[in-house]
Amino acid sequence: MPSVRVSAKALIVRQNQVLIIENHGPELFYTLPGGGQHYGENLIQTIERECREELNRAVAADAVDFHRDHSR
């Protein structure tokens, strides 16, 4: 059985601009803020926690607008 890891990403739009994060690793890439869900969290709590961690800002998520299931 494949393992399942639930994660959430935040689409933050302000004044018609989208916030993205620049990640440096072996290759440069861009992503939305977010990450893996902790046990007991709902998706909104995951998004809010990940934004605090990655952006050092409090974000109030109000809804989950898109959801997709996949496994590796």
C-alpha atoms as a PDB file:
ATOM      1  CA  MET A   1       0.000   0.000   0.000  1.00  0.00           C
ATOM      2  CA  PRO A   2       1.420   3.434  -0.906  1.00  0.00           C
ATOM      3  CA  SER A   3       2.102   5.891   1.895  1.00  0.00           C
ATOM      4  CA  VAL A   4      -0.036   9.010   2.083  1.00  0.00           C
ATOM      5  CA  ARG A   5       1.251  12.396   3.213  1.00  0.00           C
ATOM      6  CA  VAL A   6      -1.293  15.178   3.464  1.00  0.00           C
ATOM      7  CA  SER A   7      -0.030  18.660   2.713  1.00  0.00           C
ATOM      8  CA  ALA A   8      -1.540  22.071   2.052  1.00  0.00           C
ATOM      9  CA  LYS A   9      -0.447  25.115   0.056  1.00  0.00           C
ATOM     10  CA  ALA A  10      -1.651  28.706   0.382  1.00  0.00           C
ATOM     11  CA  LEU A  11      -2.513  30.896  -2.579  1.00  0.00           C
ATOM     12  CA  ILE A  12      -2.024  34.402  -1.192  1.00  0.00           C
ATOM     13  CA  VAL A  13      -3.154  37.231  -3.472  1.00  0.00           C
ATOM     14  CA  ARG A  14      -2.810  40.895  -2.573  1.00  0.00           C
ATOM     15  CA  GLN A  15      -3.339  43.791  -4.972  1.00  0.00           C
ATOM     16  CA  ASN A  16      -3.462  41.329  -7.891  1.00  0.00           C
ATOM     17  CA  GLN A  17      -0.046  39.878  -6.993  1.00  0.00           C
ATOM     18  CA  VAL A  18       0.588  36.275  -5.934  1.00  0.00           C
ATOM     19  CA  LEU A  19       3.068  35.492  -3.170  1.00  0.00           C
ATOM     20  CA  ILE A  20       5.562  32.766  -4.100  1.00  0.00           C
ATOM     21  CA  ILE A  21       8.605  31.387  -2.301  1.00  0.00           C
ATOM     22  CA  GLU A  22      11.985  31.028  -3.978  1.00  0.00           C
ATOM     23  CA  ASN A  23      13.629  27.742  -2.965  1.00  0.00           C
ATOM     24  CA  HIS A  24      17.328  27.119  -3.384  1.00  0.00           C
ATOM     25  CA  GLY A  25      18.490  23.544  -3.568  1.00  0.00           C
ATOM     26  CA  PRO A  26      20.300  21.622  -6.258  1.00  0.00           C
ATOM     27  CA  GLU A  27      18.084  23.650  -8.606  1.00  0.00           C
ATOM     28  CA  LEU A  28      16.229  26.928  -8.150  1.00  0.00           C
ATOM     29  CA  PHE A  29      12.442  26.601  -8.097  1.00  0.00           C
ATOM     30  CA  TYR A  30       9.400  28.530  -6.932  1.00  0.00           C
ATOM     31  CA  THR A  31       6.484  27.274  -4.872  1.00  0.00           C
ATOM     32  CA  LEU A  32       3.542  28.437  -2.806  1.00  0.00           C
ATOM     33  CA  PRO A  33       3.912  28.574   0.976  1.00  0.00           C
ATOM     34  CA  GLY A  34       2.735  25.434   2.724  1.00  0.00           C
ATOM     35  CA  GLY A  35       3.760  21.983   3.776  1.00  0.00           C
ATOM     36  CA  GLY A  36       2.859  18.779   5.540  1.00  0.00           C
ATOM     37  CA  GLN A  37      -0.093  18.360   7.846  1.00  0.00           C
ATOM     38  CA  HIS A  38       0.602  17.521  11.495  1.00  0.00           C
ATOM     39  CA  TYR A  39      -1.460  14.910  13.315  1.00  0.00           C
ATOM     40  CA  GLY A  40      -4.719  16.427  14.576  1.00  0.00           C
ATOM     41  CA  GLU A  41      -4.635  19.502  12.310  1.00  0.00           C
ATOM     42  CA  ASN A  42      -7.241  20.343   9.722  1.00  0.00           C
ATOM     43  CA  LEU A  43      -6.098  21.837   6.403  1.00  0.00           C
ATOM     44  CA  ILE A  44      -6.750  25.424   7.466  1.00  0.00           C
ATOM     45  CA  GLN A  45      -4.630  24.959  10.597  1.00  0.00           C
ATOM     46  CA  THR A  46      -1.885  23.432   8.449  1.00  0.00           C
ATOM     47  CA  ILE A  47      -1.866  26.424   6.097  1.00  0.00           C
ATOM     48  CA  GLU A  48      -1.810  28.927   8.963  1.00  0.00           C
ATOM     49  CA  ARG A  49       1.044  27.119  10.763  1.00  0.00           C
ATOM     50  CA  GLU A  50       3.124  26.678   7.620  1.00  0.00           C
ATOM     51  CA  CYS A  51       2.737  30.368   6.709  1.00  0.00           C
ATOM     52  CA  ARG A  52       3.889  31.368  10.213  1.00  0.00           C
ATOM     53  CA  GLU A  53       6.920  29.092   9.818  1.00  0.00           C
ATOM     54  CA  GLU A  54       7.854  30.029   6.250  1.00  0.00           C
ATOM     55  CA  LEU A  55       6.830  33.691   6.085  1.00  0.00           C
ATOM     56  CA  ASN A  56       7.137  34.709   9.732  1.00  0.00           C
ATOM     57  CA  ARG A  57       3.664  36.213   9.373  1.00  0.00           C
ATOM     58  CA  ALA A  58       0.249  35.340  10.739  1.00  0.00           C
ATOM     59  CA  VAL A  59      -2.173  34.373   7.985  1.00  0.00           C
ATOM     60  CA  ALA A  60      -5.885  33.793   8.508  1.00  0.00           C
ATOM     61  CA  ALA A  61      -7.066  31.116   6.098  1.00  0.00           C
ATOM     62  CA  ASP A  62     -10.804  31.206   5.565  1.00  0.00           C
ATOM     63  CA  ALA A  63     -11.497  28.288   3.256  1.00  0.00           C
ATOM     64  CA  VAL A  64     -10.095  25.314   1.404  1.00  0.00           C
ATOM     65  CA  ASP A  65     -10.941  26.053  -2.214  1.00  0.00           C
ATOM     66  CA  PHE A  66      -9.142  23.190  -3.939  1.00  0.00           C
ATOM     67  CA  HIS A  67      -8.393  19.671  -2.825  1.00  0.00           C
ATOM     68  CA  ARG A  68      -6.572  16.850  -4.618  1.00  0.00           C
ATOM     69  CA  ASP A  69      -5.644  13.369  -3.426  1.00  0.00           C
ATOM     70  CA  HIS A  70      -2.561  11.598  -4.725  1.00  0.00           C
ATOM     71  CA  SER A  71      -0.081   9.015  -3.540  1.00  0.00           C
ATOM     72  CA  ARG A  72       3.483   8.116  -4.427  1.00  0.00           C
END
